[in-house]
Amino acid sequence: MSVYRVVYTSRPFGFDSGTLNGILVHAQRANASVGITGALICREDVYLQLLEGPEEEVKKTIARIKRDDRHLEFTTHVEKTVSERSFGRWAMLHDPAATWIWSRDAVRNGAIEHATAAEVDGFFQKLSDVNTA
């Protein structure tokens, strides 16, 4: 069975632990109810999120995120159908360390704008490998 996957970045607006916790709690509840799984890598300067599940539900979720004023400069990096889920055990896995994505300097210098699909897929492959080992 194939799965629809989207990976996007956005810049947080009003980032703090309370905002992040609210996003995570809502995402975990909402995603579980419609068959979406995924992962969120974030810092105060970037959200990098992978969503996977039924195509219509993922597209609805992406549309809702684009309207959310806590997300600025929304950019889709990956949009494709894959053969299996990378994060099937998590309605929304959260990586608070964000240790293997771009540095803050790289983000300031345009890394997001120049990112390739393979690069952002690679971040999530590493996260998946660590969490399924």
Protein backbone atom coordinates (compact mmCIF):
# COMPACT_ATOMS: atom_id res chain seq x y z
CA MET A 1 0.00 0.00 0.00
CA SER A 2 1.45 3.39 -0.97
CA VAL A 3 1.62 6.43 1.27
CA TYR A 4 1.62 10.11 0.37
CA ARG A 5 4.52 12.08 1.88
CA VAL A 6 5.17 15.80 2.21
CA VAL A 7 8.21 17.44 3.78
CA TYR A 8 8.16 21.17 4.39
CA THR A 9 10.02 23.90 6.24
CA SER A 10 8.66 27.03 7.80
CA ARG A 11 9.96 29.73 10.06
CA PRO A 12 8.34 29.78 13.50
CA PHE A 13 6.53 32.91 14.62
CA GLY A 14 6.30 33.33 18.37
CA PHE A 15 8.33 30.21 19.10
CA ASP A 16 8.48 29.12 22.72
CA SER A 17 8.04 25.85 24.57
CA GLY A 18 4.33 26.48 25.19
CA THR A 19 3.64 27.11 21.51
CA LEU A 20 5.63 24.05 20.49
CA ASN A 21 3.88 21.83 23.04
CA GLY A 22 0.51 23.07 21.79
CA ILE A 23 1.45 22.27 18.20
CA LEU A 24 2.68 18.79 19.16
CA VAL A 25 -0.36 17.88 21.25
CA HIS A 26 -2.75 19.06 18.54
CA ALA A 27 -0.77 17.33 15.78
CA GLN A 28 -0.59 14.03 17.62
CA ARG A 29 -4.34 14.00 18.27
CA ALA A 30 -5.41 15.26 14.84
CA ASN A 31 -2.96 13.10 12.89
CA ALA A 32 -3.89 9.89 14.71
CA SER A 33 -7.58 10.47 13.92
CA VAL A 34 -6.97 10.61 10.14
CA GLY A 35 -4.13 8.10 9.70
CA ILE A 36 -1.24 10.56 9.41
CA THR A 37 2.15 9.82 10.91
CA GLY A 38 5.32 11.86 10.78
CA ALA A 39 8.10 13.73 12.50
CA LEU A 40 8.91 17.31 13.44
CA ILE A 41 12.45 18.62 13.76
CA CYS A 42 12.45 22.13 15.15
CA ARG A 43 14.38 24.95 16.72
CA GLU A 44 13.48 28.57 17.29
CA ASP A 45 14.62 29.36 13.72
CA VAL A 46 13.09 26.49 11.71
CA TYR A 47 10.36 23.87 11.59
CA LEU A 48 11.18 20.89 9.38
CA GLN A 49 8.30 18.44 9.22
CA LEU A 50 7.51 15.19 7.44
CA LEU A 51 3.87 14.08 7.13
CA GLU A 52 2.79 10.76 5.62
CA GLY A 53 -0.55 9.08 5.17
CA PRO A 54 -3.65 9.17 2.97
CA GLU A 55 -3.07 11.79 0.25
CA GLU A 56 -6.30 13.72 0.85
CA GLU A 57 -5.69 13.93 4.61
CA VAL A 58 -2.06 15.00 4.22
CA LYS A 59 -3.10 17.72 1.75
CA LYS A 60 -5.79 18.97 4.16
CA THR A 61 -3.26 19.08 6.97
CA ILE A 62 -0.74 20.97 4.85
CA ALA A 63 -3.43 23.50 3.87
CA ARG A 64 -4.27 24.02 7.56
CA ILE A 65 -0.59 24.50 8.46
CA LYS A 66 -0.17 27.07 5.66
CA ARG A 67 -3.04 29.10 7.18
CA ASP A 68 -1.58 28.88 10.70
CA ASP A 69 0.00 32.21 11.66
CA ARG A 70 2.64 30.41 13.75
CA HIS A 71 4.29 29.34 10.46
CA LEU A 72 6.01 31.87 8.19
CA GLU A 73 7.81 31.29 4.87
CA PHE A 74 6.26 27.86 4.25
CA THR A 75 8.23 25.87 1.64
CA THR A 76 7.41 22.40 0.33
CA HIS A 77 10.57 20.36 -0.34
CA VAL A 78 9.21 16.86 -0.96
CA GLU A 79 5.81 15.78 -2.24
CA LYS A 80 5.60 12.19 -3.42
CA THR A 81 4.09 8.76 -3.02
CA VAL A 82 6.25 6.19 -1.23
CA SER A 83 5.88 2.47 -0.68
CA GLU A 84 5.97 2.57 3.12
CA ARG A 85 5.94 4.89 6.10
CA SER A 86 9.14 6.06 7.75
CA PHE A 87 7.40 7.05 10.99
CA GLY A 88 4.52 4.59 11.20
CA ARG A 89 4.79 4.29 14.98
CA TRP A 90 4.35 8.02 15.65
CA ALA A 91 1.40 10.35 15.11
CA MET A 92 4.13 13.01 15.45
CA LEU A 93 7.66 12.22 16.56
CA HIS A 94 9.46 15.27 17.91
CA ASP A 95 13.22 15.76 17.71
CA PRO A 96 14.02 18.61 20.09
CA ALA A 97 17.76 18.36 19.54
CA ALA A 98 17.63 19.03 15.79
CA THR A 99 21.28 18.05 15.72
CA TRP A 100 21.62 16.85 12.13
CA ILE A 101 19.92 19.67 10.26
CA TRP A 102 21.42 22.93 9.11
CA SER A 103 23.24 25.14 11.58
CA ARG A 104 21.64 28.44 12.57
CA ASP A 105 24.22 30.24 10.43
CA ALA A 106 23.36 28.05 7.45
CA VAL A 107 19.65 28.85 7.87
CA ARG A 108 20.44 32.58 8.05
CA ASN A 109 22.54 32.21 4.90
CA GLY A 110 19.82 30.60 2.80
CA ALA A 111 20.22 26.84 3.33
CA ILE A 112 16.46 26.34 3.29
CA GLU A 113 16.05 28.10 -0.05
CA HIS A 114 18.81 25.96 -1.58
CA ALA A 115 17.86 22.63 0.02
CA THR A 116 17.32 19.65 -2.24
CA ALA A 117 14.66 17.00 -1.75
CA ALA A 118 17.42 14.44 -1.16
CA GLU A 119 18.95 16.60 1.57
CA VAL A 120 15.73 16.99 3.56
CA ASP A 121 14.82 13.34 3.01
CA GLY A 122 18.24 12.50 4.44
CA PHE A 123 17.53 14.38 7.68
CA PHE A 124 14.41 12.30 8.23
CA GLN A 125 16.13 9.06 7.22
CA LYS A 126 18.68 9.67 9.98
CA LEU A 127 15.90 10.43 12.47
CA SER A 128 14.00 7.30 11.43
CA ASP A 129 17.13 5.15 11.70
CA VAL A 130 17.82 6.39 15.24
CA ASN A 131 14.22 5.81 16.37
CA THR A 132 13.79 2.36 14.89
CA ALA A 133 17.14 0.93 15.97
